[in-house]
Amino acid sequence: MEQQVSAQKSTVTQRAIEQIKAMIAEGLLEPGGRLPTERDLAAQLGISRSSMREAIRALTVLGVLEARHGSGIYVTQLEAGDLLETFGVVADLSRGPRLLELLEVRRVLESTATALAAARITDEQLAVVEGHLRAMEATDDPEEILLHDLAFHREIAAAAGNGTMAAILEGLSSRTFRARVWRGYEQEDAFARTRREHARIHRALAARDPEAARCAAAAHVGEVEQWLRGQVEGP
């Protein structure tokens, strides 16, 4: 009986979530706008206040809504980075075959973003990318390399000019996972190889060659995939 009640409540809550999302999509609730009170919204949608509370809590976790102390509940600006923030949690917590799947997705998106960046990158952005490359080449400290590796790819994603793609890539670029990769590379004395891969990406960007950039980025992520596959599947 308790399970049945719980399932019914879950269904009602899900319906409330969909109704609030529809109100946003239809422009009845604008980004940055304040929601009606919990009581008024529950009455408007014909559901209990407890189900409305659960719906608001769920949408807050997803980054669609935000609670402002003493002011109420507001629709966020609905930026891709906010809405895709949970992607990073998935990448951080994934293991084995699931992590390999995420790397496959990253390979596709990273190569596309790098190709776009080759066509769109400014001289200033290219100089920042080169700065991170030089910093990676100047140290053997895995933490320092990790810091500049993340920034290197982040700047390229930004240069691609597609905020949504950049947000997805940011979510897939788990710091926890990358730290594990760099530690593995350190043990395998593979720093030189991965530095060459980053240098190849930079040369393609500097040449404004989208196809070369696409291939260099795909090969780079493919090397990480191959390394991880060996960790997961063993010799």
Protein backbone atom coordinates (compact mmCIF):
# COMPACT_ATOMS: atom_id res chain seq x y z
CA MET A 1 0.00 0.00 0.00
CA GLU A 2 2.82 2.38 0.93
CA GLN A 3 4.59 1.62 -2.35
CA GLN A 4 1.40 2.37 -4.27
CA VAL A 5 0.99 5.74 -2.52
CA SER A 6 4.66 6.56 -3.17
CA ALA A 7 4.32 5.69 -6.86
CA GLN A 8 1.21 7.86 -7.18
CA LYS A 9 2.98 10.78 -5.52
CA SER A 10 5.96 10.32 -7.82
CA THR A 11 3.66 10.43 -10.85
CA VAL A 12 1.97 13.61 -9.61
CA THR A 13 5.35 15.21 -8.92
CA GLN A 14 6.58 14.31 -12.39
CA ARG A 15 3.45 15.84 -13.89
CA ALA A 16 4.10 19.03 -11.90
CA ILE A 17 7.68 19.12 -13.20
CA GLU A 18 6.47 18.80 -16.79
CA GLN A 19 3.84 21.51 -16.27
CA ILE A 20 6.36 23.98 -14.87
CA LYS A 21 8.75 23.22 -17.74
CA ALA A 22 5.90 23.79 -20.20
CA MET A 23 5.12 27.17 -18.60
CA ILE A 24 8.76 28.17 -19.11
CA ALA A 25 8.84 26.88 -22.69
CA GLU A 26 5.65 28.77 -23.53
CA GLY A 27 6.96 31.99 -22.04
CA LEU A 28 4.50 32.08 -19.14
CA LEU A 29 7.54 31.98 -16.84
CA GLU A 30 10.55 33.91 -18.11
CA PRO A 31 14.24 33.27 -17.35
CA GLY A 32 15.05 35.28 -14.25
CA GLY A 33 11.35 35.60 -13.39
CA ARG A 34 9.82 34.80 -10.02
CA LEU A 35 7.48 31.84 -9.63
CA PRO A 36 4.07 32.27 -8.01
CA THR A 37 4.04 31.14 -4.40
CA GLU A 38 4.09 27.42 -3.77
CA ARG A 39 0.48 27.57 -2.58
CA ASP A 40 -0.73 29.54 -5.62
CA LEU A 41 1.16 27.38 -8.10
CA ALA A 42 -0.13 24.18 -6.51
CA ALA A 43 -3.69 25.50 -6.71
CA GLN A 44 -3.18 26.65 -10.30
CA LEU A 45 -1.94 23.22 -11.38
CA GLY A 46 -4.39 21.30 -9.20
CA ILE A 47 -1.88 19.33 -7.15
CA SER A 48 -0.92 19.12 -3.49
CA ARG A 49 1.63 21.51 -1.99
CA SER A 50 3.86 18.57 -1.03
CA SER A 51 4.03 17.38 -4.65
CA MET A 52 4.69 20.95 -5.78
CA ARG A 53 7.48 21.22 -3.22
CA GLU A 54 9.07 18.03 -4.58
CA ALA A 55 8.78 19.30 -8.15
CA ILE A 56 10.43 22.61 -7.25
CA ARG A 57 13.19 20.80 -5.40
CA ALA A 58 13.86 18.54 -8.41
CA LEU A 59 13.97 21.47 -10.84
CA THR A 60 16.29 23.34 -8.49
CA VAL A 61 18.74 20.43 -8.51
CA LEU A 62 18.60 20.43 -12.31
CA GLY A 63 19.46 24.14 -12.41
CA VAL A 64 16.10 25.22 -13.85
CA LEU A 65 14.96 26.99 -10.68
CA GLU A 66 16.83 28.68 -7.85
CA ALA A 67 15.73 29.58 -4.33
CA ARG A 68 16.62 33.07 -3.12
CA HIS A 69 16.50 33.36 0.63
CA GLY A 70 13.67 35.62 1.74
CA SER A 71 12.65 36.36 -1.84
CA GLY A 72 11.14 33.23 -3.35
CA ILE A 73 11.76 30.79 -6.17
CA TYR A 74 13.03 32.07 -9.52
CA VAL A 75 13.63 30.63 -12.96
CA THR A 76 17.37 30.66 -13.62
CA GLN A 77 18.84 32.28 -16.72
CA LEU A 78 18.74 28.75 -18.20
CA GLU A 79 22.38 28.88 -19.27
CA ALA A 80 23.63 25.61 -20.75
CA GLY A 81 26.45 25.44 -18.20
CA ASP A 82 23.99 25.53 -15.31
CA LEU A 83 21.63 22.98 -16.80
CA LEU A 84 24.42 20.57 -17.73
CA GLU A 85 26.30 20.81 -14.45
CA THR A 86 25.15 17.34 -13.39
CA PHE A 87 27.01 15.95 -16.42
CA GLY A 88 30.24 16.41 -14.50
CA VAL A 89 28.92 14.32 -11.63
CA VAL A 90 28.13 11.50 -14.07
CA ALA A 91 31.67 11.65 -15.45
CA ASP A 92 33.20 11.75 -11.97
CA LEU A 93 31.25 8.72 -10.75
CA SER A 94 31.28 6.58 -13.89
CA ARG A 95 33.58 3.58 -14.07
CA GLY A 96 34.61 0.92 -16.55
CA PRO A 97 32.49 0.51 -19.70
CA ARG A 98 30.29 3.51 -18.88
CA LEU A 99 33.36 5.75 -18.71
CA LEU A 100 34.49 4.39 -22.07
CA GLU A 101 31.10 5.39 -23.49
CA LEU A 102 31.52 8.92 -22.16
CA LEU A 103 34.97 9.12 -23.75
CA GLU A 104 33.49 8.08 -27.09
CA VAL A 105 31.02 10.95 -26.82
CA ARG A 106 33.82 13.32 -25.85
CA ARG A 107 35.91 12.21 -28.84
CA VAL A 108 33.09 13.11 -31.23
CA LEU A 109 32.36 16.47 -29.61
CA GLU A 110 35.98 17.42 -28.93
CA SER A 111 37.00 16.83 -32.52
CA THR A 112 34.03 18.85 -33.79
CA ALA A 113 34.67 21.70 -31.36
CA THR A 114 38.36 21.78 -32.28
CA ALA A 115 37.52 21.92 -36.01
CA LEU A 116 35.13 24.81 -35.39
CA ALA A 117 37.76 26.54 -33.26
CA ALA A 118 40.31 26.29 -36.09
CA ALA A 119 37.95 28.32 -38.26
CA ARG A 120 36.91 30.82 -35.58
CA ILE A 121 39.72 31.23 -33.05
CA THR A 122 41.07 34.74 -32.53
CA ASP A 123 44.74 35.60 -32.21
CA GLU A 124 44.16 36.36 -28.52
CA GLN A 125 42.51 33.00 -27.89
CA LEU A 126 45.26 31.19 -29.78
CA ALA A 127 47.85 32.91 -27.62
CA VAL A 128 46.07 31.65 -24.48
CA VAL A 129 45.99 28.09 -25.87
CA GLU A 130 49.71 28.32 -26.66
CA GLY A 131 50.42 29.61 -23.16
CA HIS A 132 48.81 26.54 -21.60
CA LEU A 133 50.73 24.28 -24.01
CA ARG A 134 54.03 25.88 -23.04
CA ALA A 135 53.18 25.57 -19.36
CA MET A 136 52.46 21.85 -19.83
CA GLU A 137 55.80 21.43 -21.58
CA ALA A 138 57.68 23.21 -18.80
CA THR A 139 56.71 20.90 -15.92
CA ASP A 140 56.53 17.26 -14.93
CA ASP A 141 54.19 17.95 -12.02
CA PRO A 142 50.95 16.03 -12.77
CA GLU A 143 48.82 18.59 -10.90
CA GLU A 144 50.28 21.47 -12.91
CA ILE A 145 49.90 19.55 -16.14
CA LEU A 146 46.30 18.69 -15.24
CA LEU A 147 45.50 22.35 -14.56
CA HIS A 148 46.83 23.48 -17.93
CA ASP A 149 45.39 20.49 -19.79
CA LEU A 150 41.89 21.40 -18.60
CA ALA A 151 42.42 25.07 -19.46
CA PHE A 152 43.90 24.20 -22.89
CA HIS A 153 40.79 22.27 -23.94
CA ARG A 154 38.41 24.72 -22.25
CA GLU A 155 39.83 27.63 -24.25
CA ILE A 156 39.49 25.67 -27.49
CA ALA A 157 35.87 24.79 -26.70
CA ALA A 158 35.15 28.46 -26.01
CA ALA A 159 36.81 29.44 -29.30
CA ALA A 160 34.44 27.11 -31.15
CA GLY A 161 31.70 29.63 -30.44
CA ASN A 162 29.03 27.14 -29.37
CA GLY A 163 28.18 27.62 -25.70
CA THR A 164 26.06 24.49 -25.45
CA MET A 165 28.80 22.29 -26.89
CA ALA A 166 31.33 23.92 -24.57
CA ALA A 167 29.09 23.22 -21.58
CA ILE A 168 28.69 19.55 -22.52
CA LEU A 169 32.45 19.19 -22.98
CA GLU A 170 33.05 20.87 -19.64
CA GLY A 171 30.77 18.28 -18.05
CA LEU A 172 32.60 15.45 -19.79
CA SER A 173 35.98 16.85 -18.74
CA SER A 174 35.94 15.37 -15.27
CA ARG A 175 38.88 16.65 -13.23
CA THR A 176 38.79 13.43 -11.19
CA PHE A 177 39.11 11.26 -14.29
CA ARG A 178 41.77 13.43 -15.89
CA ALA A 179 43.83 13.29 -12.71
CA ARG A 180 43.69 9.50 -12.92
CA VAL A 181 44.82 9.63 -16.56
CA TRP A 182 47.76 11.91 -15.79
CA ARG A 183 48.84 9.68 -12.91
CA GLY A 184 48.68 6.71 -15.28
CA TYR A 185 50.67 8.58 -17.91
CA GLU A 186 53.28 9.47 -15.30
CA GLN A 187 53.66 5.78 -14.39
CA GLU A 188 53.94 4.82 -18.07
CA ASP A 189 56.33 7.68 -18.87
CA ALA A 190 53.87 8.87 -21.53
CA PHE A 191 54.09 12.62 -20.89
CA ALA A 192 56.15 13.19 -24.04
CA ARG A 193 53.54 11.49 -26.21
CA THR A 194 50.61 13.46 -24.88
CA ARG A 195 52.56 16.71 -25.13
CA ARG A 196 53.14 15.93 -28.81
CA GLU A 197 49.40 15.38 -29.23
CA HIS A 198 48.60 18.76 -27.66
CA ALA A 199 51.27 20.42 -29.83
CA ARG A 200 49.70 18.86 -32.95
CA ILE A 201 46.31 20.32 -31.98
CA HIS A 202 47.89 23.74 -31.46
CA ARG A 203 49.64 23.65 -34.85
CA ALA A 204 46.36 22.85 -36.60
CA LEU A 205 44.66 25.75 -34.83
CA ALA A 206 47.49 28.11 -35.71
CA ALA A 207 47.23 27.01 -39.35
CA ARG A 208 43.46 27.63 -39.25
CA ASP A 209 43.04 24.10 -40.66
CA PRO A 210 39.71 22.63 -39.44
CA GLU A 211 40.27 19.14 -40.83
CA ALA A 212 43.75 18.80 -39.37
CA ALA A 213 42.39 20.11 -36.06
CA ARG A 214 39.56 17.58 -36.11
CA CYS A 215 41.95 14.70 -36.76
CA ALA A 216 44.45 15.85 -34.11
CA ALA A 217 41.76 16.16 -31.43
CA ALA A 218 40.17 12.83 -32.34
CA ALA A 219 43.56 11.11 -32.20
CA HIS A 220 44.31 12.70 -28.83
CA VAL A 221 41.07 11.57 -27.19
CA GLY A 222 41.43 8.23 -28.96
CA GLU A 223 44.77 7.72 -27.19
CA VAL A 224 43.07 8.35 -23.84
CA GLU A 225 40.34 5.88 -24.82
CA GLN A 226 42.93 3.26 -25.71
CA TRP A 227 44.73 3.81 -22.40
CA LEU A 228 41.49 3.48 -20.43
CA ARG A 229 40.43 0.40 -22.37
CA GLY A 230 43.66 -1.25 -21.33
CA GLN A 231 42.96 -0.30 -17.70
CA VAL A 232 39.40 -1.67 -17.86
CA GLU A 233 39.94 -4.80 -19.92
CA GLY A 234 43.50 -5.61 -18.89
CA PRO A 235 46.21 -7.08 -21.11
